[in-house]
N, C-alpha and C. Protein backbone atom coordinates (compact mmCIF):
# COMPACT_ATOMS: atom_id res chain seq x y z
N MET A 1 218.36 3.65 25.22
CA MET A 1 219.26 3.14 24.25
C MET A 1 219.41 1.71 24.35
N LEU A 2 219.08 0.90 23.43
CA LEU A 2 218.96 -0.48 23.41
C LEU A 2 220.59 -0.89 23.41
N GLU A 3 220.91 -1.99 24.38
CA GLU A 3 222.09 -2.76 24.54
C GLU A 3 221.67 -4.11 23.97
N ILE A 4 222.73 -4.91 23.62
CA ILE A 4 222.46 -6.53 23.26
C ILE A 4 223.72 -7.22 24.10
N LYS A 5 223.56 -8.31 24.53
CA LYS A 5 224.71 -9.00 24.99
C LYS A 5 224.27 -10.54 24.87
N LEU A 6 225.16 -11.08 24.39
CA LEU A 6 225.43 -12.58 23.95
C LEU A 6 226.21 -13.13 24.74
N GLU A 7 226.05 -14.33 25.61
CA GLU A 7 227.01 -14.94 26.54
C GLU A 7 226.80 -16.47 26.02
N GLY A 8 227.72 -16.93 25.58
CA GLY A 8 227.92 -18.49 25.00
C GLY A 8 227.11 -19.06 24.02
N ALA A 9 226.41 -17.90 23.30
CA ALA A 9 225.42 -18.24 22.56
C ALA A 9 225.42 -19.24 21.44
N SER A 10 224.76 -20.30 21.37
CA SER A 10 225.32 -21.21 20.58
C SER A 10 224.06 -22.08 19.71
N LYS A 11 223.82 -22.42 18.67
CA LYS A 11 223.00 -23.22 17.84
C LYS A 11 223.27 -24.38 17.39
N ARG A 12 222.51 -25.49 17.42
CA ARG A 12 222.93 -26.89 16.94
C ARG A 12 221.78 -27.07 16.22
N TYR A 13 221.81 -27.85 14.72
CA TYR A 13 221.08 -28.51 14.26
C TYR A 13 221.54 -29.95 13.87
N GLN A 14 220.76 -31.12 14.81
CA GLN A 14 221.16 -32.31 14.88
C GLN A 14 222.29 -32.47 15.28
N TYR A 15 223.46 -32.81 14.43
CA TYR A 15 225.04 -33.11 14.85
C TYR A 15 225.54 -31.82 14.72
N GLU A 16 225.14 -30.84 13.72
CA GLU A 16 226.11 -29.73 13.56
C GLU A 16 225.82 -28.45 14.29
N TRP A 17 226.77 -28.00 14.96
CA TRP A 17 226.76 -26.74 15.52
C TRP A 17 226.97 -25.51 14.34
N ILE A 18 226.20 -24.73 14.55
CA ILE A 18 225.83 -23.66 13.62
C ILE A 18 226.85 -22.54 13.73
N PHE A 19 226.74 -22.16 15.29
CA PHE A 19 227.96 -21.36 15.81
C PHE A 19 227.76 -21.85 17.17
N LYS A 20 229.26 -21.75 17.82
CA LYS A 20 229.29 -22.11 19.32
C LYS A 20 229.93 -21.15 20.34
N ASN A 21 229.45 -20.95 21.48
CA ASN A 21 230.36 -20.26 22.17
C ASN A 21 230.61 -18.90 21.84
N LEU A 22 229.47 -18.28 21.31
CA LEU A 22 229.81 -16.94 20.63
C LEU A 22 229.41 -15.54 21.83
N ASP A 23 230.34 -15.07 22.10
CA ASP A 23 230.14 -13.74 22.85
C ASP A 23 230.18 -12.47 22.42
N LEU A 24 229.09 -11.62 22.63
CA LEU A 24 229.26 -10.21 21.93
C LEU A 24 228.68 -9.25 23.01
N GLN A 25 229.24 -8.09 22.87
CA GLN A 25 228.41 -7.09 23.46
C GLN A 25 228.27 -5.93 22.55
N ALA A 26 227.19 -5.48 22.24
CA ALA A 26 226.49 -4.88 21.20
C ALA A 26 226.36 -3.40 21.67
N PRO A 27 226.98 -2.25 21.79
CA PRO A 27 226.47 -0.88 22.77
C PRO A 27 225.20 -0.39 21.85
N ALA A 28 224.92 0.65 22.18
CA ALA A 28 223.60 1.35 21.50
C ALA A 28 223.99 1.94 20.20
N GLN A 29 223.41 1.81 19.18
CA GLN A 29 223.85 2.17 17.96
C GLN A 29 224.88 1.54 17.23
N ALA A 30 225.30 0.24 17.67
CA ALA A 30 226.07 -0.30 16.99
C ALA A 30 225.80 -0.68 15.66
N LYS A 31 226.75 -0.76 14.78
CA LYS A 31 226.49 -1.30 13.43
C LYS A 31 227.38 -2.44 13.01
N ILE A 32 226.79 -3.59 13.20
CA ILE A 32 227.50 -4.94 13.13
C ILE A 32 227.39 -5.77 11.73
N ALA A 33 228.31 -6.24 11.02
CA ALA A 33 228.17 -7.02 9.71
C ALA A 33 228.41 -8.38 10.40
N ILE A 34 227.69 -9.41 10.23
CA ILE A 34 227.42 -10.93 10.28
C ILE A 34 228.03 -11.28 9.23
N THR A 35 229.24 -11.93 9.01
CA THR A 35 229.57 -12.31 7.47
C THR A 35 229.81 -13.68 7.51
N GLY A 36 230.31 -14.37 6.38
CA GLY A 36 230.36 -15.86 6.23
C GLY A 36 229.69 -16.31 4.85
N SER A 37 230.29 -17.17 4.43
CA SER A 37 230.15 -18.03 3.08
C SER A 37 228.66 -18.14 3.16
N ASN A 38 227.96 -18.51 1.98
CA ASN A 38 226.67 -19.08 1.76
C ASN A 38 226.43 -20.35 2.86
N GLY A 39 225.36 -20.45 3.30
CA GLY A 39 225.19 -21.30 4.19
C GLY A 39 226.02 -21.72 5.57
N SER A 40 226.58 -20.42 5.86
CA SER A 40 227.33 -20.74 7.04
C SER A 40 226.76 -20.39 8.22
N GLY A 41 225.43 -19.93 8.29
CA GLY A 41 224.64 -19.57 9.55
C GLY A 41 224.23 -18.13 9.73
N LYS A 42 224.65 -17.39 8.87
CA LYS A 42 224.24 -15.81 9.15
C LYS A 42 222.68 -15.78 9.35
N SER A 43 221.92 -16.24 8.44
CA SER A 43 220.34 -16.10 8.71
C SER A 43 219.86 -16.65 10.04
N THR A 44 220.59 -18.09 10.30
CA THR A 44 220.25 -18.63 11.56
C THR A 44 220.50 -17.83 12.77
N PHE A 45 221.84 -17.07 12.70
CA PHE A 45 222.15 -16.22 13.93
C PHE A 45 221.22 -14.94 14.16
N LEU A 46 221.09 -14.49 13.10
CA LEU A 46 219.86 -13.47 12.99
C LEU A 46 218.54 -13.74 13.45
N LYS A 47 218.09 -14.90 13.44
CA LYS A 47 216.66 -15.28 13.44
C LYS A 47 216.92 -15.53 15.07
N CYS A 48 217.85 -16.26 15.74
CA CYS A 48 218.33 -16.41 17.00
C CYS A 48 218.23 -14.88 17.71
N LEU A 49 218.92 -13.92 17.35
CA LEU A 49 219.08 -12.79 17.93
C LEU A 49 217.59 -11.86 17.95
N ALA A 50 216.82 -12.24 17.08
CA ALA A 50 215.41 -11.55 16.96
C ALA A 50 214.63 -12.53 17.85
N GLY A 51 214.88 -13.84 18.53
CA GLY A 51 214.09 -14.48 19.15
C GLY A 51 213.05 -15.31 18.52
N ILE A 52 213.27 -15.48 17.26
CA ILE A 52 212.05 -16.20 16.14
C ILE A 52 212.50 -17.64 16.46
N ILE A 53 213.76 -18.15 16.67
CA ILE A 53 214.23 -19.49 16.96
C ILE A 53 215.04 -19.42 18.04
N PRO A 54 215.06 -20.47 19.09
CA PRO A 54 215.77 -20.51 20.32
C PRO A 54 217.43 -21.06 20.31
N LEU A 55 218.26 -20.29 20.96
CA LEU A 55 219.34 -20.80 21.22
C LEU A 55 219.31 -22.31 21.66
N THR A 56 220.54 -23.21 21.31
CA THR A 56 220.58 -24.27 21.98
C THR A 56 221.20 -24.30 23.10
N GLU A 57 222.23 -23.32 23.58
CA GLU A 57 222.80 -23.22 24.71
C GLU A 57 223.11 -21.52 24.77
N GLY A 58 223.45 -20.99 25.68
CA GLY A 58 223.85 -19.90 26.16
C GLY A 58 222.62 -18.93 26.25
N LYS A 59 222.71 -17.56 26.09
CA LYS A 59 221.85 -16.60 26.46
C LYS A 59 221.93 -15.35 25.64
N ILE A 60 221.00 -14.65 25.04
CA ILE A 60 220.77 -13.36 24.57
C ILE A 60 220.01 -12.23 25.65
N GLN A 61 220.51 -11.25 25.93
CA GLN A 61 219.94 -10.18 26.58
C GLN A 61 219.74 -8.86 26.01
N TYR A 62 218.51 -8.40 25.96
CA TYR A 62 218.33 -7.18 25.32
C TYR A 62 218.15 -6.19 26.86
N LYS A 63 218.83 -4.93 26.78
CA LYS A 63 218.67 -4.07 27.90
C LYS A 63 218.17 -2.62 27.16
N LEU A 64 217.31 -2.22 27.94
CA LEU A 64 216.72 -0.80 27.43
C LEU A 64 216.80 -0.09 28.44
N SER A 65 217.39 1.09 28.51
CA SER A 65 217.35 2.04 29.51
C SER A 65 217.69 1.38 30.89
N ASP A 66 218.53 0.32 30.92
CA ASP A 66 219.08 -0.50 32.22
C ASP A 66 217.83 -1.36 32.47
N LYS A 67 217.03 -1.36 31.61
CA LYS A 67 215.79 -2.46 32.11
C LYS A 67 215.98 -3.74 31.15
N ILE A 68 216.08 -4.91 31.67
CA ILE A 68 216.02 -6.21 30.86
C ILE A 68 214.85 -6.38 30.31
N ILE A 69 214.59 -6.83 28.80
CA ILE A 69 213.63 -6.82 28.31
C ILE A 69 213.31 -8.25 28.04
N PRO A 70 212.25 -8.96 28.48
CA PRO A 70 211.92 -10.58 28.18
C PRO A 70 211.97 -10.66 26.93
N GLU A 71 212.60 -11.84 26.63
CA GLU A 71 212.49 -12.42 25.27
C GLU A 71 211.00 -12.59 24.59
N THR A 72 210.17 -12.73 25.24
CA THR A 72 208.77 -12.58 24.62
C THR A 72 208.43 -11.29 24.19
N ASP A 73 209.30 -10.35 24.59
CA ASP A 73 208.99 -8.71 24.13
C ASP A 73 210.01 -8.18 23.06
N TYR A 74 211.01 -9.23 22.76
CA TYR A 74 212.03 -8.98 21.69
C TYR A 74 211.34 -8.14 20.60
N PHE A 75 210.14 -8.70 20.10
CA PHE A 75 209.83 -8.43 18.70
C PHE A 75 209.33 -6.91 18.79
N LYS A 76 209.04 -6.29 19.76
CA LYS A 76 208.71 -5.16 20.25
C LYS A 76 209.42 -3.91 19.72
N HIS A 77 211.05 -4.34 20.02
CA HIS A 77 211.98 -3.45 19.75
C HIS A 77 212.85 -3.58 18.39
N LEU A 78 212.25 -4.42 17.66
CA LEU A 78 213.15 -4.78 16.41
C LEU A 78 212.27 -4.43 15.29
N THR A 79 213.08 -4.86 14.06
CA THR A 79 212.44 -4.74 12.85
C THR A 79 213.39 -5.58 11.91
N PHE A 80 212.79 -6.40 10.89
CA PHE A 80 213.46 -7.40 10.50
C PHE A 80 213.30 -7.58 8.59
N SER A 81 214.26 -7.58 7.89
CA SER A 81 214.24 -7.65 6.75
C SER A 81 214.87 -8.76 6.13
N ALA A 82 214.28 -9.55 5.38
CA ALA A 82 214.96 -10.46 4.65
C ALA A 82 214.38 -11.07 3.34
N PRO A 83 215.08 -11.75 2.35
CA PRO A 83 214.53 -12.02 1.01
C PRO A 83 213.49 -12.98 1.27
N TYR A 84 213.51 -14.12 1.99
CA TYR A 84 212.60 -14.96 2.65
C TYR A 84 211.53 -14.70 3.30
N MET A 85 211.35 -13.51 3.72
CA MET A 85 209.97 -13.01 4.12
C MET A 85 208.96 -12.84 3.47
N GLU A 86 207.81 -13.34 3.78
CA GLU A 86 206.50 -12.99 2.84
C GLU A 86 205.83 -11.97 3.27
N LEU A 87 205.46 -11.50 2.26
CA LEU A 87 204.46 -10.22 2.29
C LEU A 87 203.01 -10.72 2.00
N LEU A 88 201.67 -9.96 2.18
CA LEU A 88 200.82 -10.08 2.15
C LEU A 88 200.12 -9.70 0.73
N GLU A 89 200.41 -10.63 0.00
CA GLU A 89 200.45 -10.32 -1.72
C GLU A 89 199.00 -10.05 -2.60
N GLU A 90 198.12 -10.26 -1.47
CA GLU A 90 196.72 -9.95 -1.95
C GLU A 90 196.39 -8.48 -1.77
N LEU A 91 197.27 -7.82 -0.89
CA LEU A 91 197.12 -6.20 -0.43
C LEU A 91 197.52 -5.35 -1.53
N THR A 92 197.22 -4.10 -1.76
CA THR A 92 197.70 -3.07 -2.33
C THR A 92 198.98 -2.53 -1.76
N LEU A 93 199.86 -2.01 -2.36
CA LEU A 93 201.01 -1.23 -1.62
C LEU A 93 200.57 -0.51 -0.68
N LYS A 94 199.60 0.32 -0.55
CA LYS A 94 198.86 1.42 0.00
C LYS A 94 198.26 0.47 1.24
N GLU A 95 197.43 -0.59 0.97
CA GLU A 95 196.89 -1.12 1.95
C GLU A 95 197.96 -1.98 3.05
N LEU A 96 198.99 -2.63 2.36
CA LEU A 96 199.92 -3.13 3.19
C LEU A 96 200.45 -2.33 4.06
N LEU A 97 200.94 -1.01 3.32
CA LEU A 97 201.33 -0.25 4.43
C LEU A 97 200.68 0.37 5.60
N THR A 98 199.50 0.56 5.21
CA THR A 98 198.45 0.72 6.26
C THR A 98 198.30 -0.20 7.23
N PHE A 99 198.34 -1.40 6.82
CA PHE A 99 198.20 -2.64 7.71
C PHE A 99 199.53 -2.61 8.77
N HIS A 100 200.48 -2.55 7.98
CA HIS A 100 201.78 -2.77 8.83
C HIS A 100 202.11 -1.93 9.95
N PHE A 101 201.59 -0.64 9.63
CA PHE A 101 201.67 0.55 10.69
C PHE A 101 200.55 0.60 11.62
N LYS A 102 199.78 -0.40 11.67
CA LYS A 102 198.71 -0.75 12.70
C LYS A 102 199.66 -1.35 13.80
N PHE A 103 200.47 -2.04 13.52
CA PHE A 103 201.32 -2.71 14.46
C PHE A 103 202.70 -2.04 15.07
N LYS A 104 203.18 -1.53 13.91
CA LYS A 104 204.43 -0.81 14.49
C LYS A 104 204.12 0.67 14.34
N ASN A 105 204.69 1.51 14.96
CA ASN A 105 204.92 3.26 14.79
C ASN A 105 205.92 3.53 13.56
N PRO A 106 205.41 4.06 12.77
CA PRO A 106 206.14 4.73 11.83
C PRO A 106 207.40 5.71 12.31
N ILE A 107 208.35 5.99 12.08
CA ILE A 107 209.32 7.12 12.18
C ILE A 107 208.74 8.40 12.24
N PRO A 108 208.89 9.15 13.11
CA PRO A 108 208.26 10.64 13.12
C PRO A 108 208.58 11.32 12.03
N GLY A 109 207.46 11.76 11.48
CA GLY A 109 207.40 12.62 10.37
C GLY A 109 207.26 11.99 8.94
N LEU A 110 207.11 10.60 9.11
CA LEU A 110 206.55 9.96 7.76
C LEU A 110 205.25 9.33 7.82
N ASP A 111 204.64 9.63 6.82
CA ASP A 111 203.17 9.11 6.43
C ASP A 111 203.24 8.34 5.31
N ILE A 112 202.17 7.72 5.04
CA ILE A 112 202.16 6.36 3.80
C ILE A 112 202.44 7.21 2.72
N ASN A 113 201.83 8.18 2.37
CA ASN A 113 202.04 8.97 1.17
C ASN A 113 203.78 9.25 1.01
N LYS A 114 204.36 9.49 2.07
CA LYS A 114 205.82 9.99 1.96
C LYS A 114 206.55 8.60 1.76
N MET A 115 206.12 7.70 2.47
CA MET A 115 206.95 6.25 2.19
C MET A 115 206.98 5.85 0.88
N ILE A 116 205.80 5.88 0.45
CA ILE A 116 205.69 5.55 -1.02
C ILE A 116 206.76 5.83 -2.07
N GLN A 117 206.71 7.47 -1.90
CA GLN A 117 207.55 8.53 -2.75
C GLN A 117 208.89 8.04 -2.18
N ILE A 118 209.57 7.76 -1.05
CA ILE A 118 210.85 7.31 -0.75
C ILE A 118 211.09 6.11 -1.59
N LEU A 119 210.17 4.96 -1.67
CA LEU A 119 210.24 3.77 -2.10
C LEU A 119 210.35 3.90 -3.70
N TYR A 120 210.07 5.02 -4.37
CA TYR A 120 209.80 5.24 -5.59
C TYR A 120 208.79 4.10 -6.24
N LEU A 121 207.36 4.08 -5.57
CA LEU A 121 206.81 3.13 -5.96
C LEU A 121 205.22 3.89 -6.11
N GLU A 122 205.48 5.31 -6.65
CA GLU A 122 204.20 6.16 -6.66
C GLU A 122 203.21 5.45 -7.61
N ASN A 123 203.53 4.95 -8.90
CA ASN A 123 202.82 4.30 -9.80
C ASN A 123 202.15 3.18 -9.30
N ALA A 124 202.58 2.56 -8.33
CA ALA A 124 202.42 0.93 -7.99
C ALA A 124 201.42 1.11 -6.76
N LYS A 125 201.05 2.24 -6.13
CA LYS A 125 200.46 2.39 -4.55
C LYS A 125 198.77 1.58 -4.71
N ASN A 126 198.64 1.61 -5.90
CA ASN A 126 197.16 1.06 -5.81
C ASN A 126 197.22 -0.69 -6.36
N LYS A 127 198.58 -0.93 -6.98
CA LYS A 127 198.90 -2.46 -7.47
C LYS A 127 198.79 -3.72 -6.34
N GLN A 128 198.43 -4.61 -6.39
CA GLN A 128 198.60 -5.73 -5.68
C GLN A 128 200.07 -6.06 -5.56
N ILE A 129 200.65 -6.65 -4.49
CA ILE A 129 201.92 -6.82 -4.23
C ILE A 129 202.39 -8.06 -5.02
N GLN A 130 201.25 -8.77 -5.13
CA GLN A 130 201.58 -10.35 -6.15
C GLN A 130 202.18 -9.76 -7.43
N TYR A 131 201.81 -8.56 -7.77
CA TYR A 131 202.02 -8.32 -9.35
C TYR A 131 203.31 -7.26 -9.34
N PHE A 132 204.26 -7.23 -8.29
CA PHE A 132 205.36 -6.40 -8.03
C PHE A 132 206.66 -7.47 -8.49
N SER A 133 207.46 -6.69 -9.12
CA SER A 133 209.04 -7.49 -9.37
C SER A 133 209.63 -7.70 -8.00
N SER A 134 210.59 -8.52 -8.33
CA SER A 134 211.29 -8.95 -7.26
C SER A 134 212.00 -7.87 -6.48
N GLY A 135 212.58 -6.88 -7.43
CA GLY A 135 213.16 -5.68 -6.79
C GLY A 135 212.05 -4.88 -6.34
N MET A 136 211.16 -4.67 -6.82
CA MET A 136 210.08 -3.65 -5.77
C MET A 136 209.78 -4.47 -4.74
N LYS A 137 209.29 -5.59 -4.70
CA LYS A 137 209.26 -6.37 -3.28
C LYS A 137 210.36 -5.83 -2.21
N GLN A 138 211.68 -6.22 -2.84
CA GLN A 138 212.77 -6.02 -1.96
C GLN A 138 212.87 -4.38 -1.37
N ARG A 139 212.53 -3.49 -2.12
CA ARG A 139 212.50 -2.28 -1.76
C ARG A 139 211.62 -2.18 -0.74
N LEU A 140 210.38 -2.81 -0.90
CA LEU A 140 209.10 -2.82 0.21
C LEU A 140 209.73 -3.35 1.53
N LYS A 141 210.15 -4.42 1.35
CA LYS A 141 210.86 -4.89 2.46
C LYS A 141 211.54 -4.00 3.42
N LEU A 142 212.71 -3.59 2.75
CA LEU A 142 213.47 -2.77 3.43
C LEU A 142 212.89 -1.39 3.83
N GLY A 143 211.99 -0.91 3.01
CA GLY A 143 211.09 0.09 3.67
C GLY A 143 210.52 0.21 4.91
N LEU A 144 209.83 -0.98 4.90
CA LEU A 144 208.92 -1.86 6.14
C LEU A 144 209.64 -1.42 7.33
N CYS A 145 211.07 -2.14 6.96
CA CYS A 145 212.07 -2.21 8.19
C CYS A 145 212.34 -0.67 8.61
N PHE A 146 213.12 -0.16 7.83
CA PHE A 146 213.82 1.34 8.03
C PHE A 146 212.25 2.20 8.54
N PHE A 147 211.27 2.11 7.73
CA PHE A 147 210.27 2.99 8.36
C PHE A 147 209.65 2.92 9.54
N SER A 148 209.93 1.44 10.31
CA SER A 148 209.16 1.30 11.55
C SER A 148 210.40 1.89 12.66
N ASP A 149 209.43 2.40 13.90
CA ASP A 149 210.14 2.95 14.77
C ASP A 149 210.58 2.00 15.70
N ALA A 150 211.84 1.22 15.77
CA ALA A 150 212.28 0.20 16.74
C ALA A 150 213.87 0.86 16.69
N PRO A 151 214.44 0.24 17.99
CA PRO A 151 215.88 0.61 18.18
C PRO A 151 216.81 -0.13 17.31
N LEU A 152 216.11 -1.38 17.00
CA LEU A 152 217.01 -2.69 16.39
C LEU A 152 216.61 -2.71 15.02
N VAL A 153 217.48 -2.61 14.14
CA VAL A 153 217.39 -3.19 12.67
C VAL A 153 218.21 -4.39 12.46
N LEU A 154 217.30 -5.37 11.84
CA LEU A 154 218.02 -6.64 11.52
C LEU A 154 217.83 -6.90 10.11
N LEU A 155 218.98 -6.79 9.07
CA LEU A 155 218.84 -7.18 7.82
C LEU A 155 219.78 -8.11 7.16
N ASP A 156 219.08 -9.14 6.17
CA ASP A 156 219.62 -10.33 5.79
C ASP A 156 219.51 -10.22 4.36
N GLU A 157 220.90 -9.99 3.79
CA GLU A 157 221.08 -9.85 2.29
C GLU A 157 220.48 -8.72 1.89
N PRO A 158 220.51 -7.57 2.36
CA PRO A 158 219.68 -6.40 1.97
C PRO A 158 219.60 -6.04 0.68
N THR A 159 220.37 -6.20 -0.25
CA THR A 159 220.32 -5.92 -1.64
C THR A 159 220.18 -6.92 -2.41
N SER A 160 219.67 -7.99 -2.26
CA SER A 160 219.16 -8.97 -2.86
C SER A 160 218.09 -8.68 -3.58
N ASN A 161 218.14 -9.09 -5.14
CA ASN A 161 217.27 -8.49 -6.30
C ASN A 161 217.25 -7.14 -6.52
N LEU A 162 218.09 -6.57 -6.19
CA LEU A 162 218.38 -4.97 -6.35
C LEU A 162 219.40 -4.76 -7.26
N ASP A 163 219.10 -4.01 -8.17
CA ASP A 163 220.13 -3.68 -9.35
C ASP A 163 220.92 -2.37 -8.79
N GLN A 164 221.85 -2.14 -9.75
CA GLN A 164 222.88 -1.01 -8.92
C GLN A 164 222.26 0.11 -8.54
N LYS A 165 221.38 0.68 -9.07
CA LYS A 165 220.48 1.95 -8.61
C LYS A 165 219.85 1.47 -7.25
N GLY A 166 219.32 0.37 -7.19
CA GLY A 166 218.53 0.02 -5.97
C GLY A 166 219.67 0.03 -4.88
N ARG A 167 220.82 -0.67 -5.10
CA ARG A 167 221.79 -0.80 -4.14
C ARG A 167 222.40 0.74 -3.62
N GLU A 168 222.48 1.47 -4.34
CA GLU A 168 222.64 2.67 -4.13
C GLU A 168 221.78 3.50 -3.23
N TRP A 169 220.50 3.15 -3.60
CA TRP A 169 219.25 3.84 -2.72
C TRP A 169 219.18 3.17 -1.08
N TYR A 170 219.49 1.68 -1.32
CA TYR A 170 219.55 1.10 0.08
C TYR A 170 220.56 1.69 0.87
N LEU A 171 221.89 2.03 0.52
CA LEU A 171 222.78 2.64 1.45
C LEU A 171 222.36 4.05 1.67
N GLU A 172 221.70 4.96 0.76
CA GLU A 172 221.20 6.11 1.17
C GLU A 172 219.90 5.90 2.57
N LEU A 173 219.10 5.00 2.08
CA LEU A 173 218.38 4.55 3.25
C LEU A 173 218.71 4.29 4.85
N ALA A 174 219.89 3.34 4.63
CA ALA A 174 220.42 3.13 5.79
C ALA A 174 221.03 4.08 6.30
N ASP A 175 222.00 4.88 5.52
CA ASP A 175 222.51 6.19 6.33
C ASP A 175 221.60 7.13 6.87
N LYS A 176 220.23 7.28 6.18
CA LYS A 176 219.34 8.26 6.78
C LYS A 176 218.53 7.69 7.71
N TYR A 177 218.13 6.69 7.88
CA TYR A 177 217.21 5.92 8.62
C TYR A 177 217.81 4.92 9.80
N GLY A 178 219.03 4.57 9.64
CA GLY A 178 219.65 3.51 10.28
C GLY A 178 220.67 4.41 11.36
N GLU A 179 220.90 5.67 11.19
CA GLU A 179 222.02 6.40 11.87
C GLU A 179 221.82 6.17 13.16
N ASN A 180 220.83 6.43 14.12
CA ASN A 180 220.44 6.46 15.38
C ASN A 180 220.04 5.09 15.98
N ARG A 181 220.47 3.84 15.10
CA ARG A 181 219.67 2.59 15.67
C ARG A 181 220.89 1.67 15.61
N MET A 182 220.89 0.60 16.36
CA MET A 182 221.65 -0.44 16.35
C MET A 182 220.99 -1.41 14.89
N VAL A 183 222.09 -1.58 14.20
CA VAL A 183 221.91 -2.39 12.79
C VAL A 183 222.70 -3.62 12.90
N PHE A 184 222.05 -4.89 12.55
CA PHE A 184 222.94 -6.00 12.39
C PHE A 184 222.69 -6.38 10.71
N ILE A 185 223.66 -6.79 10.01
CA ILE A 185 223.40 -7.12 8.61
C ILE A 185 224.21 -8.23 8.34
N GLY A 186 223.64 -9.38 7.88
CA GLY A 186 224.18 -10.56 7.53
C GLY A 186 224.33 -10.75 6.22
N SER A 187 225.67 -10.66 5.65
CA SER A 187 226.01 -10.41 4.28
C SER A 187 227.26 -10.80 4.05
N ASN A 188 227.63 -11.41 2.85
CA ASN A 188 229.19 -11.77 2.30
C ASN A 188 229.39 -10.78 1.25
N ASP A 189 228.80 -9.62 0.90
CA ASP A 189 229.00 -8.47 -0.09
C ASP A 189 229.40 -7.39 0.77
N PRO A 190 230.90 -6.93 0.92
CA PRO A 190 231.20 -5.77 1.41
C PRO A 190 230.71 -4.43 1.43
N LYS A 191 230.20 -4.44 0.33
CA LYS A 191 229.14 -3.21 -0.33
C LYS A 191 227.95 -2.82 0.54
N GLU A 192 227.40 -3.92 0.85
CA GLU A 192 226.20 -4.01 1.77
C GLU A 192 226.39 -3.70 2.96
N TYR A 193 227.73 -3.70 3.88
CA TYR A 193 227.83 -3.43 4.95
C TYR A 193 229.05 -2.45 5.24
N SER A 194 229.33 -1.72 4.17
CA SER A 194 230.47 -0.62 3.98
C SER A 194 230.16 0.43 5.27
N PHE A 195 229.11 0.70 6.04
CA PHE A 195 228.96 1.65 6.92
C PHE A 195 229.33 1.05 8.17
N CYS A 196 229.34 -0.13 8.54
CA CYS A 196 229.42 -1.16 9.62
C CYS A 196 230.82 -0.65 10.45
N ASP A 197 230.81 -0.66 11.64
CA ASP A 197 231.86 -0.47 12.51
C ASP A 197 232.48 -1.68 13.21
N GLN A 198 231.72 -2.81 12.82
CA GLN A 198 232.05 -4.06 13.36
C GLN A 198 231.81 -5.21 12.60
N GLU A 199 232.88 -5.90 12.56
CA GLU A 199 232.65 -7.38 11.40
C GLU A 199 232.81 -8.61 12.10
N LEU A 200 231.65 -9.33 12.29
CA LEU A 200 231.81 -10.75 13.08
C LEU A 200 231.54 -11.95 12.06
N SER A 201 232.41 -12.76 12.18
CA SER A 201 232.41 -13.86 10.96
C SER A 201 231.67 -15.12 11.82
N ILE A 202 230.63 -15.49 11.29
CA ILE A 202 230.15 -16.56 11.86
C ILE A 202 230.85 -17.82 12.00
N GLU A 203 231.90 -17.85 10.85
CA GLU A 203 232.56 -19.02 10.77
C GLU A 203 233.73 -19.35 11.81
N ASP A 204 234.04 -18.04 12.36
CA ASP A 204 234.76 -18.05 13.57
C ASP A 204 234.52 -18.89 14.96
N PHE A 205 233.12 -19.41 14.86
CA PHE A 205 232.47 -19.78 15.97
C PHE A 205 231.84 -21.41 15.54
N LYS A 206 232.72 -21.99 14.53
CA LYS A 206 232.47 -23.24 14.23
C LYS A 206 233.24 -24.21 15.16
N ILE A 207 232.77 -25.34 15.29
CA ILE A 207 233.70 -26.62 16.04
C ILE A 207 234.38 -27.13 15.02
N SER A 208 236.07 -27.23 14.96
CA SER A 208 236.89 -27.87 14.06
C SER A 208 236.54 -29.35 14.01
N GLY A 209 236.29 -29.74 12.85
CA GLY A 209 236.32 -31.34 12.95
C GLY A 209 234.96 -31.90 13.40
N GLN A 210 233.85 -31.17 13.91
CA GLN A 210 232.82 -31.60 14.22
C GLN A 210 232.10 -32.62 13.04
N ARG A 211 231.09 -33.44 13.41
CA ARG A 211 230.38 -34.28 12.62
C ARG A 211 229.31 -33.51 11.85
N THR A 212 229.18 -33.42 10.60
CA THR A 212 228.08 -32.58 10.07
C THR A 212 226.98 -33.18 9.06
N THR A 213 225.97 -32.79 9.08
CA THR A 213 225.10 -33.07 8.03
C THR A 213 224.87 -32.37 6.75
N LYS A 214 224.57 -32.96 5.47
CA LYS A 214 224.33 -32.31 4.49
C LYS A 214 222.92 -31.32 4.72
N ARG A 215 222.93 -29.96 4.57
CA ARG A 215 221.73 -29.50 4.62
C ARG A 215 221.10 -28.92 3.46
N MET A 216 219.89 -29.15 3.05
CA MET A 216 219.16 -28.74 1.95
C MET A 216 218.92 -27.32 1.80
N MET A 217 219.39 -26.53 0.53
CA MET A 217 219.24 -25.27 0.65
C MET A 217 217.99 -24.65 -0.17
């Protein structure tokens, strides 16, 4: 079982500390919501947690079955979904799923056809991703994330571009495929993380009175 520990985790851009001295002990199968207002640093925190961008100070430790995982191998143990992540849009849905699962093992018992059925995209299996609506793309990103057999699931604004039916579908997906895994969710919508057992506000780790610079979103 994967466990994660953060000690003094801090990230700075120029003169602004996005978060500072963040300590966290995440046990196996923990469900943790990372909350805060828009632009507060939720996405930055998740990217640091995934090893996509480095911390400025402090450390993150992944431990799997009492074995320390090197930072260069974090990606092997996680799966990530975010609205800003790009898809290979020249591929069809079936081609993209086949390509993705050459690099990630699927959840046992799931094949490509079953995945497409769960995604409610049977009529689009031979359509290029570039012709998908924003909601279809978001469902696909979530599917790629939850259908990958990894102990850590990282979600950033998971219901972005989803309608009410899609949001209900997401909660069902999380309930079924996230149950036995650690899940971090970056969100300011309580409905997205209603199943989480812990909430961490990134704004609790700001420095009061720090010099800030305006960031373009």
